[in-house]
């Protein structure tokens, strides 16, 4: 797991993907974290500048442009519950 804070945005890298949480929301709850579309299974988040994050794994990397991120309609809690029992 890795986390990164840029301005009012918290990015959380977990086993099930990269989540995004807007700190301007009044409540802090797991169900408020939404998933960010990305293509690699990353181990670490690195900030390039205020507009870009680099997701890094042992063998590859992916550059994410924060101004053009695409978000999943499912939040991180829904994806985790759906992922349980899938083998």
PDB file of N, CA and C in Angstrom:
ATOM      1  N   UNK A   1       0.846  -1.181   0.000  1.00  0.00           N
ATOM      2  CA  UNK A   1       0.000   0.000   0.000  1.00  0.00           C
ATOM      3  C   UNK A   1       0.890   1.243   0.000  1.00  0.00           C
ATOM      4  N   UNK A   2       0.461   2.229  -0.751  1.00  0.00           N
ATOM      5  CA  UNK A   2       1.182   3.492  -0.815  1.00  0.00           C
ATOM      6  C   UNK A   2       0.144   4.601  -0.901  1.00  0.00           C
ATOM      7  N   UNK A   3       0.448   5.763  -0.352  1.00  0.00           N
ATOM      8  CA  UNK A   3      -0.481   6.896  -0.427  1.00  0.00           C
ATOM      9  C   UNK A   3       0.276   8.135  -0.889  1.00  0.00           C
ATOM     10  N   UNK A   4      -0.472   9.065  -1.494  1.00  0.00           N
ATOM     11  CA  UNK A   4       0.135  10.303  -1.944  1.00  0.00           C
ATOM     12  C   UNK A   4      -0.884  11.417  -1.868  1.00  0.00           C
ATOM     13  N   UNK A   5      -0.465  12.570  -1.408  1.00  0.00           N
ATOM     14  CA  UNK A   5      -1.346  13.732  -1.271  1.00  0.00           C
ATOM     15  C   UNK A   5      -0.875  14.835  -2.200  1.00  0.00           C
ATOM     16  N   UNK A   6      -1.780  15.312  -3.067  1.00  0.00           N
ATOM     17  CA  UNK A   6      -1.507  16.469  -3.917  1.00  0.00           C
ATOM     18  C   UNK A   6      -2.672  17.429  -3.734  1.00  0.00           C
ATOM     19  N   UNK A   7      -2.396  18.575  -3.137  1.00  0.00           N
ATOM     20  CA  UNK A   7      -3.458  19.540  -2.865  1.00  0.00           C
ATOM     21  C   UNK A   7      -4.526  18.920  -1.983  1.00  0.00           C
ATOM     22  N   UNK A   8      -5.763  18.914  -2.456  1.00  0.00           N
ATOM     23  CA  UNK A   8      -6.887  18.326  -1.719  1.00  0.00           C
ATOM     24  C   UNK A   8      -7.238  16.928  -2.207  1.00  0.00           C
ATOM     25  N   UNK A   9      -6.327  16.287  -2.928  1.00  0.00           N
ATOM     26  CA  UNK A   9      -6.577  14.953  -3.473  1.00  0.00           C
ATOM     27  C   UNK A   9      -5.650  13.940  -2.815  1.00  0.00           C
ATOM     28  N   UNK A  10      -6.238  12.871  -2.302  1.00  0.00           N
ATOM     29  CA  UNK A  10      -5.479  11.785  -1.699  1.00  0.00           C
ATOM     30  C   UNK A  10      -5.568  10.582  -2.631  1.00  0.00           C
ATOM     31  N   UNK A  11      -4.422  10.050  -3.036  1.00  0.00           N
ATOM     32  CA  UNK A  11      -4.362   8.858  -3.884  1.00  0.00           C
ATOM     33  C   UNK A  11      -3.884   7.700  -3.024  1.00  0.00           C
ATOM     34  N   UNK A  12      -4.593   6.573  -3.097  1.00  0.00           N
ATOM     35  CA  UNK A  12      -4.309   5.410  -2.272  1.00  0.00           C
ATOM     36  C   UNK A  12      -4.084   4.220  -3.191  1.00  0.00           C
ATOM     37  N   UNK A  13      -2.895   3.632  -3.146  1.00  0.00           N
ATOM     38  CA  UNK A  13      -2.578   2.466  -3.961  1.00  0.00           C
ATOM     39  C   UNK A  13      -2.728   1.230  -3.093  1.00  0.00           C
ATOM     40  N   UNK A  14      -3.636   0.332  -3.479  1.00  0.00           N
ATOM     41  CA  UNK A  14      -3.906  -0.879  -2.715  1.00  0.00           C
ATOM     42  C   UNK A  14      -3.733  -2.096  -3.615  1.00  0.00           C
ATOM     43  N   UNK A  15      -3.963  -3.267  -3.064  1.00  0.00           N
ATOM     44  CA  UNK A  15      -3.887  -4.504  -3.845  1.00  0.00           C
ATOM     45  C   UNK A  15      -4.936  -4.564  -4.938  1.00  0.00           C
ATOM     46  N   UNK A  16      -6.023  -3.832  -4.783  1.00  0.00           N
ATOM     47  CA  UNK A  16      -7.098  -3.894  -5.780  1.00  0.00           C
ATOM     48  C   UNK A  16      -7.111  -2.699  -6.721  1.00  0.00           C
ATOM     49  N   UNK A  17      -6.153  -1.793  -6.599  1.00  0.00           N
ATOM     50  CA  UNK A  17      -6.073  -0.685  -7.539  1.00  0.00           C
ATOM     51  C   UNK A  17      -5.745   0.645  -6.886  1.00  0.00           C
ATOM     52  N   UNK A  18      -5.740   1.674  -7.718  1.00  0.00           N
ATOM     53  CA  UNK A  18      -5.466   3.036  -7.275  1.00  0.00           C
ATOM     54  C   UNK A  18      -6.778   3.733  -6.973  1.00  0.00           C
ATOM     55  N   UNK A  19      -6.903   4.242  -5.758  1.00  0.00           N
ATOM     56  CA  UNK A  19      -8.102   4.953  -5.359  1.00  0.00           C
ATOM     57  C   UNK A  19      -7.836   6.445  -5.243  1.00  0.00           C
ATOM     58  N   UNK A  20      -8.906   7.227  -5.369  1.00  0.00           N
ATOM     59  CA  UNK A  20      -8.828   8.682  -5.274  1.00  0.00           C
ATOM     60  C   UNK A  20      -9.865   9.145  -4.262  1.00  0.00           C
ATOM     61  N   UNK A  21      -9.472  10.065  -3.390  1.00  0.00           N
ATOM     62  CA  UNK A  21     -10.395  10.624  -2.410  1.00  0.00           C
ATOM     63  C   UNK A  21     -10.245  12.137  -2.401  1.00  0.00           C
ATOM     64  N   UNK A  22     -11.356  12.838  -2.530  1.00  0.00           N
ATOM     65  CA  UNK A  22     -11.393  14.301  -2.496  1.00  0.00           C
ATOM     66  C   UNK A  22     -11.504  14.753  -1.041  1.00  0.00           C
ATOM     67  N   UNK A  23     -10.475  15.384  -0.522  1.00  0.00           N
ATOM     68  CA  UNK A  23     -10.463  15.805   0.879  1.00  0.00           C
ATOM     69  C   UNK A  23     -11.401  16.970   1.174  1.00  0.00           C
ATOM     70  N   UNK A  24     -11.996  17.559   0.150  1.00  0.00           N
ATOM     71  CA  UNK A  24     -12.988  18.615   0.354  1.00  0.00           C
ATOM     72  C   UNK A  24     -14.347  18.050   0.752  1.00  0.00           C
ATOM     73  N   UNK A  25     -14.519  16.736   0.652  1.00  0.00           N
ATOM     74  CA  UNK A  25     -15.784  16.123   1.066  1.00  0.00           C
ATOM     75  C   UNK A  25     -15.894  16.175   2.584  1.00  0.00           C
ATOM     76  N   UNK A  26     -17.107  16.295   3.093  1.00  0.00           N
ATOM     77  CA  UNK A  26     -17.278  16.465   4.540  1.00  0.00           C
ATOM     78  C   UNK A  26     -16.976  15.219   5.378  1.00  0.00           C
ATOM     79  N   UNK A  27     -17.075  14.042   4.793  1.00  0.00           N
ATOM     80  CA  UNK A  27     -16.826  12.823   5.577  1.00  0.00           C
ATOM     81  C   UNK A  27     -15.646  12.063   5.001  1.00  0.00           C
ATOM     82  N   UNK A  28     -14.960  11.337   5.863  1.00  0.00           N
ATOM     83  CA  UNK A  28     -13.855  10.493   5.431  1.00  0.00           C
ATOM     84  C   UNK A  28     -14.304   9.055   5.659  1.00  0.00           C
ATOM     85  N   UNK A  29     -14.596   8.375   4.561  1.00  0.00           N
ATOM     86  CA  UNK A  29     -15.064   6.997   4.651  1.00  0.00           C
ATOM     87  C   UNK A  29     -14.512   6.198   3.483  1.00  0.00           C
ATOM     88  N   UNK A  30     -14.284   4.918   3.692  1.00  0.00           N
ATOM     89  CA  UNK A  30     -13.756   4.052   2.646  1.00  0.00           C
ATOM     90  C   UNK A  30     -14.651   4.079   1.415  1.00  0.00           C
ATOM     91  N   UNK A  31     -15.959   4.110   1.608  1.00  0.00           N
ATOM     92  CA  UNK A  31     -16.874   4.081   0.465  1.00  0.00           C
ATOM     93  C   UNK A  31     -16.808   5.361  -0.374  1.00  0.00           C
ATOM     94  N   UNK A  32     -16.138   6.400   0.105  1.00  0.00           N
ATOM     95  CA  UNK A  32     -15.990   7.636  -0.655  1.00  0.00           C
ATOM     96  C   UNK A  32     -14.775   7.615  -1.584  1.00  0.00           C
ATOM     97  N   UNK A  33     -13.928   6.600  -1.467  1.00  0.00           N
ATOM     98  CA  UNK A  33     -12.761   6.489  -2.345  1.00  0.00           C
ATOM     99  C   UNK A  33     -13.201   5.839  -3.652  1.00  0.00           C
ATOM    100  N   UNK A  34     -12.951   6.519  -4.771  1.00  0.00           N
ATOM    101  CA  UNK A  34     -13.304   5.954  -6.075  1.00  0.00           C
ATOM    102  C   UNK A  34     -12.042   5.453  -6.765  1.00  0.00           C
ATOM    103  N   UNK A  35     -12.191   4.510  -7.673  1.00  0.00           N
ATOM    104  CA  UNK A  35     -11.055   3.906  -8.352  1.00  0.00           C
ATOM    105  C   UNK A  35     -10.659   4.696  -9.586  1.00  0.00           C
ATOM    106  N   UNK A  36      -9.369   4.753  -9.833  1.00  0.00           N
ATOM    107  CA  UNK A  36      -8.805   5.419 -10.998  1.00  0.00           C
ATOM    108  C   UNK A  36      -8.428   4.349 -12.017  1.00  0.00           C
ATOM    109  N   UNK A  37      -8.803   4.549 -13.284  1.00  0.00           N
ATOM    110  CA  UNK A  37      -8.414   3.603 -14.327  1.00  0.00           C
ATOM    111  C   UNK A  37      -6.915   3.721 -14.594  1.00  0.00           C
ATOM    112  N   UNK A  38      -6.241   2.582 -14.576  1.00  0.00           N
ATOM    113  CA  UNK A  38      -4.823   2.513 -14.937  1.00  0.00           C
ATOM    114  C   UNK A  38      -4.564   1.108 -15.450  1.00  0.00           C
ATOM    115  N   UNK A  39      -3.416   0.875 -16.088  1.00  0.00           N
ATOM    116  CA  UNK A  39      -3.207  -0.405 -16.755  1.00  0.00           C
ATOM    117  C   UNK A  39      -2.242  -1.359 -16.062  1.00  0.00           C
ATOM    118  N   UNK A  40      -1.408  -0.896 -15.137  1.00  0.00           N
ATOM    119  CA  UNK A  40      -0.435  -1.804 -14.525  1.00  0.00           C
ATOM    120  C   UNK A  40      -0.792  -2.085 -13.066  1.00  0.00           C
ATOM    121  N   UNK A  41      -0.276  -3.194 -12.560  1.00  0.00           N
ATOM    122  CA  UNK A  41      -0.400  -3.517 -11.133  1.00  0.00           C
ATOM    123  C   UNK A  41       0.824  -2.897 -10.449  1.00  0.00           C
ATOM    124  N   UNK A  42       0.659  -1.719  -9.889  1.00  0.00           N
ATOM    125  CA  UNK A  42       1.783  -0.937  -9.356  1.00  0.00           C
ATOM    126  C   UNK A  42       2.045  -1.242  -7.882  1.00  0.00           C
ATOM    127  N   UNK A  43       3.268  -0.950  -7.463  1.00  0.00           N
ATOM    128  CA  UNK A  43       3.692  -1.108  -6.075  1.00  0.00           C
ATOM    129  C   UNK A  43       3.907   0.231  -5.376  1.00  0.00           C
ATOM    130  N   UNK A  44       4.118   1.278  -6.165  1.00  0.00           N
ATOM    131  CA  UNK A  44       4.501   2.567  -5.591  1.00  0.00           C
ATOM    132  C   UNK A  44       3.978   3.712  -6.451  1.00  0.00           C
ATOM    133  N   UNK A  45       3.690   4.841  -5.789  1.00  0.00           N
ATOM    134  CA  UNK A  45       3.295   6.077  -6.460  1.00  0.00           C
ATOM    135  C   UNK A  45       4.438   7.078  -6.292  1.00  0.00           C
ATOM    136  N   UNK A  46       4.802   7.750  -7.396  1.00  0.00           N
ATOM    137  CA  UNK A  46       5.821   8.792  -7.347  1.00  0.00           C
ATOM    138  C   UNK A  46       5.230  10.055  -7.978  1.00  0.00           C
ATOM    139  N   UNK A  47       5.370  11.186  -7.296  1.00  0.00           N
ATOM    140  CA  UNK A  47       4.893  12.453  -7.865  1.00  0.00           C
ATOM    141  C   UNK A  47       5.941  12.977  -8.840  1.00  0.00           C
ATOM    142  N   UNK A  48       5.490  13.295 -10.063  1.00  0.00           N
ATOM    143  CA  UNK A  48       6.373  13.921 -11.042  1.00  0.00           C
ATOM    144  C   UNK A  48       6.304  15.436 -10.871  1.00  0.00           C
ATOM    145  N   UNK A  49       5.103  15.966 -10.836  1.00  0.00           N
ATOM    146  CA  UNK A  49       4.840  17.364 -10.516  1.00  0.00           C
ATOM    147  C   UNK A  49       3.390  17.438 -10.050  1.00  0.00           C
ATOM    148  N   UNK A  50       2.815  18.635  -9.945  1.00  0.00           N
ATOM    149  CA  UNK A  50       1.438  18.759  -9.443  1.00  0.00           C
ATOM    150  C   UNK A  50       0.387  18.248 -10.415  1.00  0.00           C
ATOM    151  N   UNK A  51       0.797  17.831 -11.605  1.00  0.00           N
ATOM    152  CA  UNK A  51      -0.177  17.363 -12.597  1.00  0.00           C
ATOM    153  C   UNK A  51       0.024  15.922 -13.025  1.00  0.00           C
ATOM    154  N   UNK A  52       1.074  15.273 -12.518  1.00  0.00           N
ATOM    155  CA  UNK A  52       1.361  13.909 -12.971  1.00  0.00           C
ATOM    156  C   UNK A  52       1.827  13.017 -11.821  1.00  0.00           C
ATOM    157  N   UNK A  53       1.380  11.765 -11.861  1.00  0.00           N
ATOM    158  CA  UNK A  53       1.852  10.722 -10.945  1.00  0.00           C
ATOM    159  C   UNK A  53       2.437   9.592 -11.775  1.00  0.00           C
ATOM    160  N   UNK A  54       3.435   8.935 -11.240  1.00  0.00           N
ATOM    161  CA  UNK A  54       4.028   7.774 -11.887  1.00  0.00           C
ATOM    162  C   UNK A  54       3.708   6.553 -11.034  1.00  0.00           C
ATOM    163  N   UNK A  55       3.056   5.563 -11.634  1.00  0.00           N
ATOM    164  CA  UNK A  55       2.830   4.286 -10.971  1.00  0.00           C
ATOM    165  C   UNK A  55       3.974   3.371 -11.372  1.00  0.00           C
ATOM    166  N   UNK A  56       4.589   2.721 -10.404  1.00  0.00           N
ATOM    167  CA  UNK A  56       5.779   1.923 -10.664  1.00  0.00           C
ATOM    168  C   UNK A  56       5.592   0.514 -10.119  1.00  0.00           C
ATOM    169  N   UNK A  57       5.975  -0.482 -10.931  1.00  0.00           N
ATOM    170  CA  UNK A  57       6.049  -1.860 -10.467  1.00  0.00           C
ATOM    171  C   UNK A  57       7.485  -2.326 -10.694  1.00  0.00           C
ATOM    172  N   UNK A  58       7.757  -3.564 -10.417  1.00  0.00           N
ATOM    173  CA  UNK A  58       9.116  -4.085 -10.569  1.00  0.00           C
ATOM    174  C   UNK A  58       9.575  -4.052 -12.026  1.00  0.00           C
ATOM    175  N   UNK A  59       8.645  -4.240 -12.961  1.00  0.00           N
ATOM    176  CA  UNK A  59       9.024  -4.377 -14.361  1.00  0.00           C
ATOM    177  C   UNK A  59       8.502  -3.298 -15.304  1.00  0.00           C
ATOM    178  N   UNK A  60       7.611  -2.434 -14.838  1.00  0.00           N
ATOM    179  CA  UNK A  60       7.044  -1.436 -15.736  1.00  0.00           C
ATOM    180  C   UNK A  60       6.589  -0.206 -14.963  1.00  0.00           C
ATOM    181  N   UNK A  61       6.179   0.804 -15.702  1.00  0.00           N
ATOM    182  CA  UNK A  61       5.684   2.031 -15.090  1.00  0.00           C
ATOM    183  C   UNK A  61       4.567   2.594 -15.963  1.00  0.00           C
ATOM    184  N   UNK A  62       3.790   3.491 -15.372  1.00  0.00           N
ATOM    185  CA  UNK A  62       2.715   4.159 -16.093  1.00  0.00           C
ATOM    186  C   UNK A  62       2.610   5.592 -15.589  1.00  0.00           C
ATOM    187  N   UNK A  63       2.599   6.541 -16.509  1.00  0.00           N
ATOM    188  CA  UNK A  63       2.469   7.947 -16.169  1.00  0.00           C
ATOM    189  C   UNK A  63       0.999   8.338 -16.233  1.00  0.00           C
ATOM    190  N   UNK A  64       0.482   8.906 -15.140  1.00  0.00           N
ATOM    191  CA  UNK A  64      -0.909   9.347 -15.083  1.00  0.00           C
ATOM    192  C   UNK A  64      -0.973  10.862 -15.087  1.00  0.00           C
ATOM    193  N   UNK A  65      -1.720  11.415 -16.026  1.00  0.00           N
ATOM    194  CA  UNK A  65      -1.963  12.852 -16.100  1.00  0.00           C
ATOM    195  C   UNK A  65      -3.179  13.149 -15.229  1.00  0.00           C
ATOM    196  N   UNK A  66      -2.996  13.848 -14.128  1.00  0.00           N
ATOM    197  CA  UNK A  66      -4.076  14.067 -13.160  1.00  0.00           C
ATOM    198  C   UNK A  66      -5.224  14.888 -13.728  1.00  0.00           C
ATOM    199  N   UNK A  67      -4.947  15.712 -14.733  1.00  0.00           N
ATOM    200  CA  UNK A  67      -6.012  16.514 -15.345  1.00  0.00           C
ATOM    201  C   UNK A  67      -6.914  15.689 -16.251  1.00  0.00           C
ATOM    202  N   UNK A  68      -6.451  14.505 -16.657  1.00  0.00           N
ATOM    203  CA  UNK A  68      -7.210  13.682 -17.600  1.00  0.00           C
ATOM    204  C   UNK A  68      -7.474  12.270 -17.072  1.00  0.00           C
ATOM    205  N   UNK A  69      -7.581  12.127 -15.764  1.00  0.00           N
ATOM    206  CA  UNK A  69      -7.842  10.803 -15.190  1.00  0.00           C
ATOM    207  C   UNK A  69      -9.271  10.358 -15.476  1.00  0.00           C
ATOM    208  N   UNK A  70      -9.445   9.068 -15.630  1.00  0.00           N
ATOM    209  CA  UNK A  70     -10.770   8.475 -15.782  1.00  0.00           C
ATOM    210  C   UNK A  70     -11.045   7.658 -14.529  1.00  0.00           C
ATOM    211  N   UNK A  71     -12.252   7.767 -14.015  1.00  0.00           N
ATOM    212  CA  UNK A  71     -12.614   7.119 -12.761  1.00  0.00           C
ATOM    213  C   UNK A  71     -13.642   6.027 -13.004  1.00  0.00           C
ATOM    214  N   UNK A  72     -13.546   4.982 -12.215  1.00  0.00           N
ATOM    215  CA  UNK A  72     -14.516   3.888 -12.270  1.00  0.00           C
ATOM    216  C   UNK A  72     -15.809   4.344 -11.608  1.00  0.00           C
ATOM    217  N   UNK A  73     -16.916   3.778 -12.036  1.00  0.00           N
ATOM    218  CA  UNK A  73     -18.197   4.096 -11.402  1.00  0.00           C
ATOM    219  C   UNK A  73     -18.311   3.404 -10.046  1.00  0.00           C
ATOM    220  N   UNK A  74     -17.481   2.385  -9.809  1.00  0.00           N
ATOM    221  CA  UNK A  74     -17.501   1.678  -8.530  1.00  0.00           C
ATOM    222  C   UNK A  74     -16.503   2.328  -7.586  1.00  0.00           C
ATOM    223  N   UNK A  75     -16.854   2.356  -6.319  1.00  0.00           N
ATOM    224  CA  UNK A  75     -15.882   2.853  -5.355  1.00  0.00           C
ATOM    225  C   UNK A  75     -15.007   1.691  -4.911  1.00  0.00           C
ATOM    226  N   UNK A  76     -13.981   1.973  -4.138  1.00  0.00           N
ATOM    227  CA  UNK A  76     -13.011   0.949  -3.768  1.00  0.00           C
ATOM    228  C   UNK A  76     -13.638  -0.145  -2.895  1.00  0.00           C
ATOM    229  N   UNK A  77     -14.610   0.212  -2.076  1.00  0.00           N
ATOM    230  CA  UNK A  77     -15.272  -0.769  -1.226  1.00  0.00           C
ATOM    231  C   UNK A  77     -16.086  -1.750  -2.076  1.00  0.00           C
ATOM    232  N   UNK A  78     -16.807  -1.273  -3.086  1.00  0.00           N
ATOM    233  CA  UNK A  78     -17.589  -2.151  -3.963  1.00  0.00           C
ATOM    234  C   UNK A  78     -16.677  -3.102  -4.728  1.00  0.00           C
ATOM    235  N   UNK A  79     -15.549  -2.614  -5.199  1.00  0.00           N
ATOM    236  CA  UNK A  79     -14.639  -3.491  -5.940  1.00  0.00           C
ATOM    237  C   UNK A  79     -14.063  -4.553  -5.009  1.00  0.00           C
ATOM    238  N   UNK A  80     -13.740  -4.173  -3.775  1.00  0.00           N
ATOM    239  CA  UNK A  80     -13.197  -5.139  -2.821  1.00  0.00           C
ATOM    240  C   UNK A  80     -14.205  -6.230  -2.514  1.00  0.00           C
ATOM    241  N   UNK A  81     -15.459  -5.862  -2.280  1.00  0.00           N
ATOM    242  CA  UNK A  81     -16.501  -6.852  -1.962  1.00  0.00           C
ATOM    243  C   UNK A  81     -16.733  -7.770  -3.145  1.00  0.00           C
ATOM    244  N   UNK A  82     -16.776  -7.230  -4.364  1.00  0.00           N
ATOM    245  CA  UNK A  82     -16.959  -8.048  -5.553  1.00  0.00           C
ATOM    246  C   UNK A  82     -15.775  -8.981  -5.744  1.00  0.00           C
ATOM    247  N   UNK A  83     -14.560  -8.514  -5.412  1.00  0.00           N
ATOM    248  CA  UNK A  83     -13.359  -9.310  -5.601  1.00  0.00           C
ATOM    249  C   UNK A  83     -13.239 -10.465  -4.641  1.00  0.00           C
ATOM    250  N   UNK A  84     -13.940 -10.446  -3.523  1.00  0.00           N
ATOM    251  CA  UNK A  84     -13.875 -11.540  -2.554  1.00  0.00           C
ATOM    252  C   UNK A  84     -14.588 -12.751  -3.144  1.00  0.00           C
ATOM    253  N   UNK A  85     -13.925 -13.880  -3.050  1.00  0.00           N
ATOM    254  CA  UNK A  85     -14.519 -15.120  -3.558  1.00  0.00           C
ATOM    255  C   UNK A  85     -14.208 -15.381  -5.020  1.00  0.00           C
ATOM    256  N   UNK A  86     -13.624 -14.442  -5.705  1.00  0.00           N
ATOM    257  CA  UNK A  86     -13.225 -14.651  -7.095  1.00  0.00           C
ATOM    258  C   UNK A  86     -11.836 -15.231  -7.081  1.00  0.00           C
ATOM    259  N   UNK A  87     -11.674 -16.347  -7.775  1.00  0.00           N
ATOM    260  CA  UNK A  87     -10.337 -16.966  -7.786  1.00  0.00           C
ATOM    261  C   UNK A  87      -9.821 -17.171  -9.173  1.00  0.00           C
TER     262      UNK A  87
END
